[in-house]
Structures are given as structure tokens and as C-alpha cells.
Amino acid sequence: MKCLIVEDDLISRRILKELLSPFCDCDIAVNGDEAITSFKLAHDGKHPYDLICMDIMMPVIDGKEALLRIRKLEKEMGIPPQFEVKVVMTSALDDPRTIVQSFYTSGATSYLVKPISKKKLMTELRQLGLLN
């Protein structure tokens, strides 16, 4: 499985990479702009991501805007909805408005509130069909 971790906070990046590395080949982006570029490069190289874990609040381009652009690119590439990359939005914010915007406006597959534990993340990946 191939994963892109999009997180501006060094500690959060390290934690996610440590949790995902046993199951994924992990790439890193530190903002939404890098995430969009990485997504394009992965598709151009014929090795698209199976999973993107993306923070919501980041500099340059935030996670919600980056996800909107990624979903737009998928449509332009003719990727059917069932084959879209699974995107788990991560945030310290657990307010209902942020969660609703992530799902319904941006097109997130899932949402996890930080701090992210191994148990929470593995449960989520199993529910998304990415782990047995």
C-alpha cells in the first residue's frame, strides 16, 4: 500500500509515519500544495496513493482546499468514485462544523481527531478496507 502523509507539524508527521510504515510505503508533504503535487506525480508515475492522511489546518493551502483540488483532479483523470484515493482528514478540531465540512464539502473518506492512536488508526484503515 502507498500512503501520503500531509502534515505541517513535525511530531504529528513522525507519529503517523511510525504508525503507517509497517503497512505502507510512506511519502511526506508538509502543506496542501505539496500534497497536490505529490498526488499528481504519483499518478503520472503510475503508482497512485491508496491512502492520504491529511491535516486540515496547514500553511500555504489547507487540507480541505487541497482535498477539493485532488478530488477535482481525479474527476479530470476519469477516476470513478469507487477508485478515488481514501483520504483520512486529521485535526485537533472535533467540532461538528469542521467534521461536516471535511466530509461533505471537501470529499473526505474519513476523519480522525488528534491525538491519533495506533488502535484508532488501524480500526479506521480496516473499516476503509485497506487492512485485513
N, C-alpha and C. Protein backbone atom coordinates (compact mmCIF):
# COMPACT_ATOMS: atom_id res chain seq x y z
N MET A 1 0.85 -1.17 0.00
CA MET A 1 0.00 0.00 0.00
C MET A 1 0.90 1.24 0.00
N LYS A 2 0.46 2.27 -0.71
CA LYS A 2 1.20 3.52 -0.80
C LYS A 2 0.40 4.63 -0.11
N CYS A 3 1.09 5.41 0.72
CA CYS A 3 0.42 6.42 1.55
C CYS A 3 1.16 7.75 1.44
N LEU A 4 0.37 8.82 1.48
CA LEU A 4 0.92 10.17 1.57
C LEU A 4 0.47 10.77 2.90
N ILE A 5 1.44 11.19 3.70
CA ILE A 5 1.17 11.85 4.97
C ILE A 5 1.35 13.34 4.73
N VAL A 6 0.29 14.10 4.96
CA VAL A 6 0.33 15.55 4.73
C VAL A 6 0.10 16.23 6.08
N GLU A 7 1.17 16.77 6.63
CA GLU A 7 1.12 17.29 8.00
C GLU A 7 2.23 18.33 8.16
N ASP A 8 1.89 19.50 8.65
CA ASP A 8 2.89 20.55 8.84
C ASP A 8 3.63 20.42 10.17
N ASP A 9 3.08 19.70 11.11
CA ASP A 9 3.70 19.54 12.42
C ASP A 9 4.64 18.33 12.43
N LEU A 10 5.90 18.57 12.76
CA LEU A 10 6.93 17.52 12.73
C LEU A 10 6.57 16.32 13.60
N ILE A 11 6.13 16.56 14.82
CA ILE A 11 5.80 15.45 15.73
C ILE A 11 4.65 14.62 15.17
N SER A 12 3.60 15.27 14.70
CA SER A 12 2.46 14.54 14.12
C SER A 12 2.89 13.74 12.90
N ARG A 13 3.76 14.32 12.08
CA ARG A 13 4.29 13.60 10.90
C ARG A 13 5.02 12.34 11.32
N ARG A 14 5.88 12.48 12.31
CA ARG A 14 6.67 11.33 12.79
C ARG A 14 5.77 10.23 13.35
N ILE A 15 4.78 10.64 14.12
CA ILE A 15 3.86 9.65 14.71
C ILE A 15 3.13 8.89 13.60
N LEU A 16 2.56 9.62 12.66
CA LEU A 16 1.84 8.95 11.57
C LEU A 16 2.76 8.04 10.76
N LYS A 17 3.96 8.51 10.47
CA LYS A 17 4.90 7.68 9.71
C LYS A 17 5.26 6.41 10.48
N GLU A 18 5.48 6.55 11.77
CA GLU A 18 5.81 5.39 12.60
C GLU A 18 4.65 4.38 12.62
N LEU A 19 3.43 4.88 12.71
CA LEU A 19 2.26 4.00 12.75
C LEU A 19 1.99 3.33 11.40
N LEU A 20 2.22 4.07 10.31
CA LEU A 20 1.86 3.55 8.98
C LEU A 20 2.98 2.78 8.28
N SER A 21 4.22 3.04 8.62
CA SER A 21 5.35 2.41 7.92
C SER A 21 5.32 0.89 7.85
N PRO A 22 4.86 0.19 8.89
CA PRO A 22 4.81 -1.27 8.76
C PRO A 22 3.84 -1.76 7.69
N PHE A 23 2.91 -0.91 7.27
CA PHE A 23 1.87 -1.31 6.32
C PHE A 23 1.95 -0.60 4.99
N CYS A 24 2.68 0.52 4.95
CA CYS A 24 2.66 1.39 3.78
C CYS A 24 4.05 1.86 3.40
N ASP A 25 4.19 2.17 2.12
CA ASP A 25 5.32 2.94 1.63
C ASP A 25 4.87 4.39 1.78
N CYS A 26 5.48 5.13 2.71
CA CYS A 26 5.00 6.47 3.08
C CYS A 26 5.81 7.58 2.41
N ASP A 27 5.11 8.52 1.81
CA ASP A 27 5.69 9.78 1.35
C ASP A 27 5.19 10.87 2.28
N ILE A 28 5.90 12.00 2.28
CA ILE A 28 5.58 13.10 3.18
C ILE A 28 5.37 14.38 2.38
N ALA A 29 4.39 15.17 2.79
CA ALA A 29 4.20 16.53 2.30
C ALA A 29 3.92 17.40 3.53
N VAL A 30 4.39 18.64 3.50
CA VAL A 30 4.23 19.49 4.68
C VAL A 30 3.15 20.56 4.53
N ASN A 31 2.50 20.60 3.37
CA ASN A 31 1.38 21.52 3.18
C ASN A 31 0.51 21.02 2.03
N GLY A 32 -0.63 21.66 1.83
CA GLY A 32 -1.56 21.23 0.81
C GLY A 32 -1.02 21.34 -0.61
N ASP A 33 -0.20 22.34 -0.86
CA ASP A 33 0.39 22.50 -2.19
C ASP A 33 1.28 21.30 -2.52
N GLU A 34 2.12 20.89 -1.58
CA GLU A 34 2.97 19.71 -1.78
C GLU A 34 2.12 18.45 -1.94
N ALA A 35 1.01 18.38 -1.24
CA ALA A 35 0.12 17.21 -1.35
C ALA A 35 -0.43 17.09 -2.77
N ILE A 36 -0.88 18.20 -3.33
CA ILE A 36 -1.42 18.18 -4.68
C ILE A 36 -0.34 17.77 -5.68
N THR A 37 0.84 18.33 -5.54
CA THR A 37 1.96 17.98 -6.43
C THR A 37 2.31 16.50 -6.29
N SER A 38 2.38 16.00 -5.06
CA SER A 38 2.71 14.58 -4.83
C SER A 38 1.64 13.68 -5.44
N PHE A 39 0.39 14.06 -5.29
CA PHE A 39 -0.72 13.29 -5.86
C PHE A 39 -0.56 13.19 -7.38
N LYS A 40 -0.29 14.32 -8.03
CA LYS A 40 -0.11 14.33 -9.49
C LYS A 40 1.08 13.46 -9.90
N LEU A 41 2.20 13.63 -9.21
CA LEU A 41 3.40 12.86 -9.55
C LEU A 41 3.18 11.36 -9.39
N ALA A 42 2.47 10.97 -8.36
CA ALA A 42 2.19 9.55 -8.13
C ALA A 42 1.35 8.98 -9.28
N HIS A 43 0.35 9.74 -9.72
CA HIS A 43 -0.47 9.28 -10.84
C HIS A 43 0.32 9.27 -12.14
N ASP A 44 1.10 10.30 -12.37
CA ASP A 44 1.92 10.36 -13.58
C ASP A 44 2.90 9.18 -13.64
N GLY A 45 3.40 8.77 -12.47
CA GLY A 45 4.33 7.65 -12.39
C GLY A 45 3.64 6.30 -12.33
N LYS A 46 2.32 6.28 -12.47
CA LYS A 46 1.51 5.04 -12.47
C LYS A 46 1.56 4.30 -11.14
N HIS A 47 1.84 5.01 -10.05
CA HIS A 47 1.83 4.43 -8.71
C HIS A 47 1.04 5.34 -7.78
N PRO A 48 -0.27 5.41 -7.97
CA PRO A 48 -1.08 6.33 -7.17
C PRO A 48 -1.15 5.90 -5.70
N TYR A 49 -1.52 6.85 -4.88
CA TYR A 49 -1.67 6.58 -3.45
C TYR A 49 -2.95 5.80 -3.19
N ASP A 50 -2.87 4.89 -2.23
CA ASP A 50 -4.05 4.17 -1.75
C ASP A 50 -4.69 4.96 -0.61
N LEU A 51 -3.86 5.73 0.09
CA LEU A 51 -4.29 6.44 1.29
C LEU A 51 -3.58 7.78 1.38
N ILE A 52 -4.34 8.81 1.76
CA ILE A 52 -3.75 10.10 2.12
C ILE A 52 -4.27 10.43 3.52
N CYS A 53 -3.34 10.68 4.44
CA CYS A 53 -3.69 11.18 5.77
C CYS A 53 -3.32 12.65 5.77
N MET A 54 -4.33 13.53 5.87
CA MET A 54 -4.09 14.95 5.68
C MET A 54 -4.64 15.79 6.82
N ASP A 55 -3.75 16.60 7.37
CA ASP A 55 -4.15 17.57 8.39
C ASP A 55 -5.04 18.63 7.75
N ILE A 56 -5.94 19.19 8.52
CA ILE A 56 -6.82 20.23 7.99
C ILE A 56 -6.15 21.59 8.02
N MET A 57 -5.58 21.95 9.15
CA MET A 57 -5.02 23.29 9.31
C MET A 57 -3.52 23.28 8.99
N MET A 58 -3.19 23.83 7.80
CA MET A 58 -1.80 23.89 7.34
C MET A 58 -1.56 25.20 6.61
N PRO A 59 -0.29 25.59 6.50
CA PRO A 59 0.03 26.80 5.75
C PRO A 59 -0.05 26.56 4.23
N VAL A 60 0.04 27.61 3.48
CA VAL A 60 0.03 27.64 2.01
C VAL A 60 -1.36 27.28 1.48
N ILE A 61 -1.70 26.00 1.50
CA ILE A 61 -3.05 25.54 1.14
C ILE A 61 -3.48 24.59 2.24
N ASP A 62 -4.64 24.85 2.86
CA ASP A 62 -5.09 23.98 3.95
C ASP A 62 -5.58 22.63 3.41
N GLY A 63 -5.82 21.71 4.32
CA GLY A 63 -6.20 20.35 3.94
C GLY A 63 -7.52 20.26 3.19
N LYS A 64 -8.50 21.06 3.59
CA LYS A 64 -9.80 20.99 2.91
C LYS A 64 -9.69 21.46 1.46
N GLU A 65 -8.97 22.54 1.23
CA GLU A 65 -8.78 23.05 -0.14
C GLU A 65 -7.95 22.08 -0.97
N ALA A 66 -6.90 21.52 -0.36
CA ALA A 66 -6.06 20.55 -1.08
C ALA A 66 -6.90 19.34 -1.50
N LEU A 67 -7.76 18.87 -0.61
CA LEU A 67 -8.60 17.72 -0.94
C LEU A 67 -9.59 18.06 -2.05
N LEU A 68 -10.18 19.24 -2.01
CA LEU A 68 -11.07 19.66 -3.10
C LEU A 68 -10.34 19.60 -4.44
N ARG A 69 -9.10 20.08 -4.47
CA ARG A 69 -8.32 20.08 -5.71
C ARG A 69 -7.95 18.66 -6.14
N ILE A 70 -7.64 17.81 -5.18
CA ILE A 70 -7.33 16.41 -5.51
C ILE A 70 -8.56 15.72 -6.08
N ARG A 71 -9.71 15.93 -5.47
CA ARG A 71 -10.95 15.32 -6.00
C ARG A 71 -11.26 15.85 -7.40
N LYS A 72 -10.99 17.12 -7.65
CA LYS A 72 -11.20 17.69 -8.98
C LYS A 72 -10.25 17.02 -9.98
N LEU A 73 -9.01 16.83 -9.60
CA LEU A 73 -8.04 16.15 -10.47
C LEU A 73 -8.49 14.73 -10.79
N GLU A 74 -9.00 14.03 -9.79
CA GLU A 74 -9.49 12.66 -10.03
C GLU A 74 -10.60 12.66 -11.07
N LYS A 75 -11.51 13.61 -10.96
CA LYS A 75 -12.60 13.71 -11.96
C LYS A 75 -12.04 13.97 -13.34
N GLU A 76 -11.07 14.90 -13.43
CA GLU A 76 -10.45 15.22 -14.71
C GLU A 76 -9.71 14.02 -15.30
N MET A 77 -9.17 13.16 -14.45
CA MET A 77 -8.46 11.96 -14.89
C MET A 77 -9.42 10.82 -15.22
N GLY A 78 -10.70 11.02 -14.95
CA GLY A 78 -11.69 9.99 -15.23
C GLY A 78 -11.70 8.85 -14.24
N ILE A 79 -11.25 9.11 -13.02
CA ILE A 79 -11.21 8.08 -11.98
C ILE A 79 -12.62 7.93 -11.40
N PRO A 80 -13.20 6.74 -11.50
CA PRO A 80 -14.55 6.53 -10.93
C PRO A 80 -14.52 6.69 -9.41
N PRO A 81 -15.63 7.14 -8.83
CA PRO A 81 -15.68 7.38 -7.37
C PRO A 81 -15.21 6.19 -6.53
N GLN A 82 -15.52 4.97 -6.94
CA GLN A 82 -15.12 3.81 -6.14
C GLN A 82 -13.60 3.57 -6.15
N PHE A 83 -12.89 4.23 -7.06
CA PHE A 83 -11.44 4.08 -7.13
C PHE A 83 -10.68 5.33 -6.68
N GLU A 84 -11.42 6.31 -6.13
CA GLU A 84 -10.75 7.50 -5.60
C GLU A 84 -9.86 7.11 -4.42
N VAL A 85 -8.81 7.89 -4.22
CA VAL A 85 -7.93 7.67 -3.09
C VAL A 85 -8.72 7.84 -1.79
N LYS A 86 -8.44 7.00 -0.83
CA LYS A 86 -9.05 7.11 0.51
C LYS A 86 -8.32 8.23 1.24
N VAL A 87 -9.08 9.20 1.74
CA VAL A 87 -8.46 10.34 2.42
C VAL A 87 -9.00 10.44 3.85
N VAL A 88 -8.09 10.31 4.80
CA VAL A 88 -8.42 10.46 6.21
C VAL A 88 -7.94 11.84 6.63
N MET A 89 -8.90 12.71 6.93
CA MET A 89 -8.56 14.04 7.42
C MET A 89 -8.25 13.94 8.90
N THR A 90 -7.20 14.64 9.33
CA THR A 90 -6.81 14.63 10.73
C THR A 90 -6.82 16.06 11.26
N SER A 91 -7.24 16.20 12.50
CA SER A 91 -7.29 17.54 13.08
C SER A 91 -7.43 17.46 14.60
N ALA A 92 -6.95 18.48 15.25
CA ALA A 92 -7.17 18.62 16.69
C ALA A 92 -8.59 19.13 16.94
N LEU A 93 -9.24 19.61 15.88
CA LEU A 93 -10.59 20.15 15.99
C LEU A 93 -11.61 19.02 15.90
N ASP A 94 -12.49 18.93 16.90
CA ASP A 94 -13.52 17.90 16.85
C ASP A 94 -14.91 18.50 16.82
N ASP A 95 -14.99 19.78 16.40
CA ASP A 95 -16.31 20.41 16.36
C ASP A 95 -17.10 19.90 15.15
N PRO A 96 -18.40 19.78 15.28
CA PRO A 96 -19.23 19.23 14.21
C PRO A 96 -19.10 19.97 12.87
N ARG A 97 -18.96 21.29 12.92
CA ARG A 97 -18.86 22.06 11.67
C ARG A 97 -17.64 21.64 10.85
N THR A 98 -16.49 21.50 11.49
CA THR A 98 -15.27 21.10 10.80
C THR A 98 -15.42 19.70 10.22
N ILE A 99 -16.01 18.81 10.98
CA ILE A 99 -16.20 17.43 10.51
C ILE A 99 -17.14 17.41 9.31
N VAL A 100 -18.24 18.11 9.37
CA VAL A 100 -19.20 18.15 8.26
C VAL A 100 -18.56 18.74 7.02
N GLN A 101 -17.81 19.84 7.18
CA GLN A 101 -17.14 20.45 6.03
C GLN A 101 -16.14 19.49 5.40
N SER A 102 -15.42 18.75 6.22
CA SER A 102 -14.43 17.81 5.69
C SER A 102 -15.09 16.73 4.84
N PHE A 103 -16.22 16.20 5.31
CA PHE A 103 -16.90 15.14 4.58
C PHE A 103 -17.67 15.65 3.38
N TYR A 104 -18.53 16.60 3.61
CA TYR A 104 -19.50 16.97 2.58
C TYR A 104 -19.00 18.04 1.62
N THR A 105 -18.13 18.91 2.08
CA THR A 105 -17.64 19.95 1.19
C THR A 105 -16.36 19.51 0.49
N SER A 106 -15.47 18.89 1.23
CA SER A 106 -14.16 18.55 0.67
C SER A 106 -14.08 17.15 0.08
N GLY A 107 -14.91 16.24 0.53
CA GLY A 107 -14.89 14.88 -0.02
C GLY A 107 -14.00 13.91 0.73
N ALA A 108 -13.83 14.12 2.02
CA ALA A 108 -13.02 13.20 2.83
C ALA A 108 -13.71 11.84 2.92
N THR A 109 -12.90 10.80 3.04
CA THR A 109 -13.41 9.46 3.24
C THR A 109 -13.66 9.21 4.71
N SER A 110 -12.80 9.82 5.54
CA SER A 110 -12.85 9.58 6.97
C SER A 110 -12.24 10.78 7.70
N TYR A 111 -12.40 10.78 9.03
CA TYR A 111 -11.94 11.90 9.85
C TYR A 111 -11.48 11.34 11.19
N LEU A 112 -10.27 11.72 11.60
CA LEU A 112 -9.76 11.31 12.91
C LEU A 112 -9.33 12.54 13.69
N VAL A 113 -9.68 12.56 14.98
CA VAL A 113 -9.30 13.66 15.86
C VAL A 113 -7.98 13.30 16.55
N LYS A 114 -7.05 14.26 16.54
CA LYS A 114 -5.76 14.06 17.22
C LYS A 114 -5.96 14.16 18.72
N PRO A 115 -5.15 13.49 19.51
CA PRO A 115 -4.02 12.67 19.09
C PRO A 115 -4.49 11.34 18.50
N ILE A 116 -3.77 10.89 17.50
CA ILE A 116 -4.14 9.67 16.81
C ILE A 116 -3.38 8.50 17.42
N SER A 117 -4.13 7.53 17.90
CA SER A 117 -3.52 6.34 18.49
C SER A 117 -3.42 5.25 17.41
N LYS A 118 -2.56 4.30 17.67
CA LYS A 118 -2.42 3.17 16.75
C LYS A 118 -3.75 2.44 16.61
N LYS A 119 -4.43 2.22 17.72
CA LYS A 119 -5.70 1.49 17.70
C LYS A 119 -6.73 2.22 16.85
N LYS A 120 -6.87 3.54 17.05
CA LYS A 120 -7.83 4.33 16.26
C LYS A 120 -7.51 4.27 14.77
N LEU A 121 -6.23 4.43 14.44
CA LEU A 121 -5.83 4.45 13.04
C LEU A 121 -6.02 3.08 12.38
N MET A 122 -5.62 2.02 13.06
CA MET A 122 -5.77 0.67 12.49
C MET A 122 -7.25 0.32 12.31
N THR A 123 -8.08 0.69 13.27
CA THR A 123 -9.52 0.45 13.14
C THR A 123 -10.07 1.16 11.92
N GLU A 124 -9.67 2.39 11.73
CA GLU A 124 -10.13 3.19 10.58
C GLU A 124 -9.68 2.57 9.26
N LEU A 125 -8.42 2.15 9.20
CA LEU A 125 -7.89 1.54 7.96
C LEU A 125 -8.61 0.23 7.63
N ARG A 126 -8.95 -0.54 8.66
CA ARG A 126 -9.71 -1.78 8.44
C ARG A 126 -11.11 -1.45 7.90
N GLN A 127 -11.76 -0.44 8.49
CA GLN A 127 -13.10 -0.06 8.04
C GLN A 127 -13.08 0.45 6.59
N LEU A 128 -11.96 1.03 6.18
CA LEU A 128 -11.85 1.52 4.80
C LEU A 128 -11.43 0.42 3.82
N GLY A 129 -11.19 -0.78 4.36
CA GLY A 129 -10.80 -1.90 3.51
C GLY A 129 -9.34 -1.87 3.09
N LEU A 130 -8.52 -1.11 3.80
CA LEU A 130 -7.11 -1.01 3.45
C LEU A 130 -6.24 -2.01 4.22
N LEU A 131 -6.77 -2.56 5.30
CA LEU A 131 -6.07 -3.57 6.09
C LEU A 131 -7.02 -4.73 6.36
N ASN A 132 -6.46 -5.90 6.53
CA ASN A 132 -7.28 -7.08 6.88
C ASN A 132 -7.55 -7.10 8.35
